[in-house]
């Protein structure tokens, strides 16, 4: 089977156009330009100016509602709807999975505290490696109440080992 140069060039050009079209579609990007949405934390207990080391809203129903909305508007684009990652960004349901099964309550609480600190540092300062921004910093965009409300939501999405 032989093809003319003209046919091969036509097929190559069509493929290039199709690939370019695919790559320019907004949904083709796992990470895109997302304008952070404000989070209304009205009604949540104020936590003050000092950054806390542990989630003060664990089990708080209003924090869960606020955190669910905040996550869906600001985090789901990269971390997945209902915190189910598509594989590009970390699966946040796994964030504190190692703590869940710890029998010793003191060690379990220490594990949750360590995970809370990691979460807060990540959301406040973002993730940058070799100059590439993998996650933008949200300090100054979200207040502490909003950040902890998002963590409260993520705790309900947890997948134990």
C-alpha atoms as a PDB file:
ATOM      1  CA  UNK A   1       0.000   0.000   0.000  1.00  0.00           C
ATOM      2  CA  UNK A   2       1.483   3.337  -0.994  1.00  0.00           C
ATOM      3  CA  UNK A   3       0.433   6.846  -0.092  1.00  0.00           C
ATOM      4  CA  UNK A   4       1.262  10.064  -1.806  1.00  0.00           C
ATOM      5  CA  UNK A   5       3.206  12.756   0.010  1.00  0.00           C
ATOM      6  CA  UNK A   6       0.139  14.979  -0.251  1.00  0.00           C
ATOM      7  CA  UNK A   7      -2.031  12.381   1.551  1.00  0.00           C
ATOM      8  CA  UNK A   8       0.532  11.871   4.313  1.00  0.00           C
ATOM      9  CA  UNK A   9       0.924  15.619   4.830  1.00  0.00           C
ATOM     10  CA  UNK A  10      -2.863  16.005   4.963  1.00  0.00           C
ATOM     11  CA  UNK A  11      -3.184  13.312   7.627  1.00  0.00           C
ATOM     12  CA  UNK A  12      -0.321  14.814   9.645  1.00  0.00           C
ATOM     13  CA  UNK A  13      -1.864  18.286   9.439  1.00  0.00           C
ATOM     14  CA  UNK A  14      -5.282  16.989  10.527  1.00  0.00           C
ATOM     15  CA  UNK A  15      -3.677  15.196  13.460  1.00  0.00           C
ATOM     16  CA  UNK A  16      -1.812  18.337  14.494  1.00  0.00           C
ATOM     17  CA  UNK A  17      -5.016  20.398  14.352  1.00  0.00           C
ATOM     18  CA  UNK A  18      -6.900  17.797  16.403  1.00  0.00           C
ATOM     19  CA  UNK A  19      -4.143  17.626  19.016  1.00  0.00           C
ATOM     20  CA  UNK A  20      -3.913  21.414  19.255  1.00  0.00           C
ATOM     21  CA  UNK A  21      -7.696  21.660  19.664  1.00  0.00           C
ATOM     22  CA  UNK A  22      -7.676  19.058  22.411  1.00  0.00           C
ATOM     23  CA  UNK A  23      -4.879  20.744  24.321  1.00  0.00           C
ATOM     24  CA  UNK A  24      -6.557  24.137  24.217  1.00  0.00           C
ATOM     25  CA  UNK A  25      -9.842  22.964  25.697  1.00  0.00           C
ATOM     26  CA  UNK A  26     -10.242  24.117  29.312  1.00  0.00           C
ATOM     27  CA  UNK A  27     -11.111  20.647  30.579  1.00  0.00           C
ATOM     28  CA  UNK A  28      -7.966  19.176  29.058  1.00  0.00           C
ATOM     29  CA  UNK A  29      -5.866  20.718  31.808  1.00  0.00           C
ATOM     30  CA  UNK A  30      -5.706  19.102  35.226  1.00  0.00           C
ATOM     31  CA  UNK A  31      -4.568  22.400  36.713  1.00  0.00           C
ATOM     32  CA  UNK A  32      -5.860  25.609  35.291  1.00  0.00           C
ATOM     33  CA  UNK A  33      -6.299  29.191  36.179  1.00  0.00           C
ATOM     34  CA  UNK A  34      -8.839  29.025  38.965  1.00  0.00           C
ATOM     35  CA  UNK A  35      -9.834  32.230  40.670  1.00  0.00           C
ATOM     36  CA  UNK A  36     -10.211  31.429  44.370  1.00  0.00           C
ATOM     37  CA  UNK A  37     -13.737  31.978  45.614  1.00  0.00           C
ATOM     38  CA  UNK A  38     -14.389  33.661  48.926  1.00  0.00           C
ATOM     39  CA  UNK A  39     -15.531  31.491  51.794  1.00  0.00           C
ATOM     40  CA  UNK A  40     -18.324  32.743  54.052  1.00  0.00           C
ATOM     41  CA  UNK A  41     -17.432  31.555  57.550  1.00  0.00           C
ATOM     42  CA  UNK A  42     -20.253  33.460  59.278  1.00  0.00           C
ATOM     43  CA  UNK A  43     -21.486  31.489  62.260  1.00  0.00           C
ATOM     44  CA  UNK A  44     -18.303  29.498  62.823  1.00  0.00           C
ATOM     45  CA  UNK A  45     -16.579  30.109  66.142  1.00  0.00           C
ATOM     46  CA  UNK A  46     -13.691  32.539  65.623  1.00  0.00           C
ATOM     47  CA  UNK A  47     -10.282  30.983  66.200  1.00  0.00           C
ATOM     48  CA  UNK A  48      -8.264  34.179  66.567  1.00  0.00           C
ATOM     49  CA  UNK A  49      -5.126  35.429  64.874  1.00  0.00           C
ATOM     50  CA  UNK A  50      -2.726  32.770  66.153  1.00  0.00           C
ATOM     51  CA  UNK A  51      -2.533  29.794  63.818  1.00  0.00           C
ATOM     52  CA  UNK A  52      -3.832  26.668  65.535  1.00  0.00           C
ATOM     53  CA  UNK A  53      -2.058  23.328  65.427  1.00  0.00           C
ATOM     54  CA  UNK A  54      -5.189  21.197  65.326  1.00  0.00           C
ATOM     55  CA  UNK A  55      -8.567  21.369  63.658  1.00  0.00           C
ATOM     56  CA  UNK A  56     -10.919  23.140  66.083  1.00  0.00           C
ATOM     57  CA  UNK A  57     -13.995  22.198  64.040  1.00  0.00           C
ATOM     58  CA  UNK A  58     -13.696  18.414  63.983  1.00  0.00           C
ATOM     59  CA  UNK A  59     -17.298  17.159  64.088  1.00  0.00           C
ATOM     60  CA  UNK A  60     -18.840  20.672  63.747  1.00  0.00           C
ATOM     61  CA  UNK A  61     -21.844  20.461  61.380  1.00  0.00           C
ATOM     62  CA  UNK A  62     -21.680  24.092  60.239  1.00  0.00           C
ATOM     63  CA  UNK A  63     -17.948  23.740  59.551  1.00  0.00           C
ATOM     64  CA  UNK A  64     -18.748  20.666  57.456  1.00  0.00           C
ATOM     65  CA  UNK A  65     -21.275  22.654  55.397  1.00  0.00           C
ATOM     66  CA  UNK A  66     -18.875  25.582  54.953  1.00  0.00           C
ATOM     67  CA  UNK A  67     -15.957  23.270  54.186  1.00  0.00           C
ATOM     68  CA  UNK A  68     -17.924  21.263  51.619  1.00  0.00           C
ATOM     69  CA  UNK A  69     -18.845  24.416  49.716  1.00  0.00           C
ATOM     70  CA  UNK A  70     -15.331  25.868  49.992  1.00  0.00           C
ATOM     71  CA  UNK A  71     -13.749  22.617  48.783  1.00  0.00           C
ATOM     72  CA  UNK A  72     -16.106  22.305  45.811  1.00  0.00           C
ATOM     73  CA  UNK A  73     -15.490  25.904  44.733  1.00  0.00           C
ATOM     74  CA  UNK A  74     -11.738  26.018  45.283  1.00  0.00           C
ATOM     75  CA  UNK A  75     -10.155  22.587  45.548  1.00  0.00           C
ATOM     76  CA  UNK A  76     -12.180  20.133  43.451  1.00  0.00           C
ATOM     77  CA  UNK A  77     -10.708  21.327  40.156  1.00  0.00           C
ATOM     78  CA  UNK A  78      -7.345  19.797  41.083  1.00  0.00           C
ATOM     79  CA  UNK A  79      -8.116  17.355  43.897  1.00  0.00           C
ATOM     80  CA  UNK A  80     -11.322  15.924  42.405  1.00  0.00           C
ATOM     81  CA  UNK A  81     -15.044  16.071  43.010  1.00  0.00           C
ATOM     82  CA  UNK A  82     -15.858  14.718  46.477  1.00  0.00           C
ATOM     83  CA  UNK A  83     -12.080  14.627  47.068  1.00  0.00           C
ATOM     84  CA  UNK A  84     -11.671  11.682  44.687  1.00  0.00           C
ATOM     85  CA  UNK A  85      -8.478  12.540  42.842  1.00  0.00           C
ATOM     86  CA  UNK A  86      -8.087  11.833  39.159  1.00  0.00           C
ATOM     87  CA  UNK A  87      -4.449  10.998  39.779  1.00  0.00           C
ATOM     88  CA  UNK A  88      -2.791  14.355  39.077  1.00  0.00           C
ATOM     89  CA  UNK A  89      -3.089  15.977  42.513  1.00  0.00           C
ATOM     90  CA  UNK A  90      -2.931  14.073  45.818  1.00  0.00           C
ATOM     91  CA  UNK A  91      -5.997  12.137  46.929  1.00  0.00           C
ATOM     92  CA  UNK A  92      -6.970  14.086  50.031  1.00  0.00           C
ATOM     93  CA  UNK A  93      -9.143  11.247  51.336  1.00  0.00           C
ATOM     94  CA  UNK A  94      -5.849   9.570  52.211  1.00  0.00           C
ATOM     95  CA  UNK A  95      -4.500  12.564  54.135  1.00  0.00           C
ATOM     96  CA  UNK A  96      -4.850  11.155  57.641  1.00  0.00           C
ATOM     97  CA  UNK A  97      -5.610   7.517  56.879  1.00  0.00           C
ATOM     98  CA  UNK A  98      -2.669   6.274  58.934  1.00  0.00           C
ATOM     99  CA  UNK A  99      -4.103   7.907  62.056  1.00  0.00           C
ATOM    100  CA  UNK A 100      -7.515   6.291  61.792  1.00  0.00           C
ATOM    101  CA  UNK A 101      -6.564   2.799  62.936  1.00  0.00           C
ATOM    102  CA  UNK A 102      -4.172   3.717  65.758  1.00  0.00           C
ATOM    103  CA  UNK A 103      -5.427   2.097  68.962  1.00  0.00           C
ATOM    104  CA  UNK A 104      -3.428   4.169  71.450  1.00  0.00           C
ATOM    105  CA  UNK A 105      -5.456   7.382  71.849  1.00  0.00           C
ATOM    106  CA  UNK A 106      -2.424   9.540  72.710  1.00  0.00           C
ATOM    107  CA  UNK A 107      -0.583   8.379  69.597  1.00  0.00           C
ATOM    108  CA  UNK A 108      -3.721   8.755  67.498  1.00  0.00           C
ATOM    109  CA  UNK A 109      -4.175  12.382  68.599  1.00  0.00           C
ATOM    110  CA  UNK A 110      -0.485  13.088  67.944  1.00  0.00           C
ATOM    111  CA  UNK A 111      -0.912  11.647  64.444  1.00  0.00           C
ATOM    112  CA  UNK A 112      -3.964  13.846  63.763  1.00  0.00           C
ATOM    113  CA  UNK A 113      -2.081  16.882  65.057  1.00  0.00           C
ATOM    114  CA  UNK A 114       0.861  16.162  62.748  1.00  0.00           C
ATOM    115  CA  UNK A 115      -1.485  15.694  59.786  1.00  0.00           C
ATOM    116  CA  UNK A 116      -3.357  18.901  60.661  1.00  0.00           C
ATOM    117  CA  UNK A 117      -0.046  20.782  60.714  1.00  0.00           C
ATOM    118  CA  UNK A 118       0.928  19.353  57.320  1.00  0.00           C
ATOM    119  CA  UNK A 119      -2.467  20.257  55.852  1.00  0.00           C
ATOM    120  CA  UNK A 120      -2.358  23.799  57.207  1.00  0.00           C
ATOM    121  CA  UNK A 121       1.212  24.382  55.983  1.00  0.00           C
ATOM    122  CA  UNK A 122       0.250  23.065  52.529  1.00  0.00           C
ATOM    123  CA  UNK A 123      -2.852  25.209  52.154  1.00  0.00           C
ATOM    124  CA  UNK A 124      -1.183  28.317  53.588  1.00  0.00           C
ATOM    125  CA  UNK A 125       2.074  28.163  51.648  1.00  0.00           C
ATOM    126  CA  UNK A 126       1.198  26.011  48.639  1.00  0.00           C
ATOM    127  CA  UNK A 127       3.518  23.513  46.994  1.00  0.00           C
ATOM    128  CA  UNK A 128       6.436  24.658  44.841  1.00  0.00           C
ATOM    129  CA  UNK A 129       9.248  22.439  43.543  1.00  0.00           C
ATOM    130  CA  UNK A 130      12.089  23.645  41.354  1.00  0.00           C
ATOM    131  CA  UNK A 131      10.174  26.851  40.711  1.00  0.00           C
ATOM    132  CA  UNK A 132       7.065  25.035  39.459  1.00  0.00           C
ATOM    133  CA  UNK A 133       3.861  25.821  41.356  1.00  0.00           C
ATOM    134  CA  UNK A 134       1.960  22.613  42.000  1.00  0.00           C
ATOM    135  CA  UNK A 135      -0.468  24.260  44.415  1.00  0.00           C
ATOM    136  CA  UNK A 136      -0.852  27.986  44.986  1.00  0.00           C
ATOM    137  CA  UNK A 137      -0.659  29.434  48.497  1.00  0.00           C
ATOM    138  CA  UNK A 138      -4.024  30.355  49.987  1.00  0.00           C
ATOM    139  CA  UNK A 139      -2.854  32.356  52.992  1.00  0.00           C
ATOM    140  CA  UNK A 140      -4.336  35.819  52.552  1.00  0.00           C
ATOM    141  CA  UNK A 141      -7.096  34.379  50.360  1.00  0.00           C
ATOM    142  CA  UNK A 142      -8.767  32.152  52.968  1.00  0.00           C
ATOM    143  CA  UNK A 143      -8.920  32.877  56.656  1.00  0.00           C
ATOM    144  CA  UNK A 144      -8.001  30.234  59.188  1.00  0.00           C
ATOM    145  CA  UNK A 145     -11.659  29.367  59.780  1.00  0.00           C
ATOM    146  CA  UNK A 146     -12.113  28.552  56.072  1.00  0.00           C
ATOM    147  CA  UNK A 147      -8.998  26.377  55.995  1.00  0.00           C
ATOM    148  CA  UNK A 148     -10.087  24.364  59.011  1.00  0.00           C
ATOM    149  CA  UNK A 149     -13.620  24.042  57.600  1.00  0.00           C
ATOM    150  CA  UNK A 150     -12.137  22.481  54.446  1.00  0.00           C
ATOM    151  CA  UNK A 151     -10.150  20.062  56.630  1.00  0.00           C
ATOM    152  CA  UNK A 152     -13.376  19.194  58.469  1.00  0.00           C
ATOM    153  CA  UNK A 153     -14.979  18.293  55.136  1.00  0.00           C
ATOM    154  CA  UNK A 154     -11.978  16.195  54.103  1.00  0.00           C
ATOM    155  CA  UNK A 155     -12.197  14.222  57.341  1.00  0.00           C
ATOM    156  CA  UNK A 156     -15.679  13.066  56.307  1.00  0.00           C
ATOM    157  CA  UNK A 157     -14.270  11.854  52.983  1.00  0.00           C
ATOM    158  CA  UNK A 158     -11.559   9.764  54.654  1.00  0.00           C
ATOM    159  CA  UNK A 159     -10.927   6.269  53.382  1.00  0.00           C
ATOM    160  CA  UNK A 160      -9.578   4.061  56.159  1.00  0.00           C
ATOM    161  CA  UNK A 161      -6.923   1.452  55.378  1.00  0.00           C
END
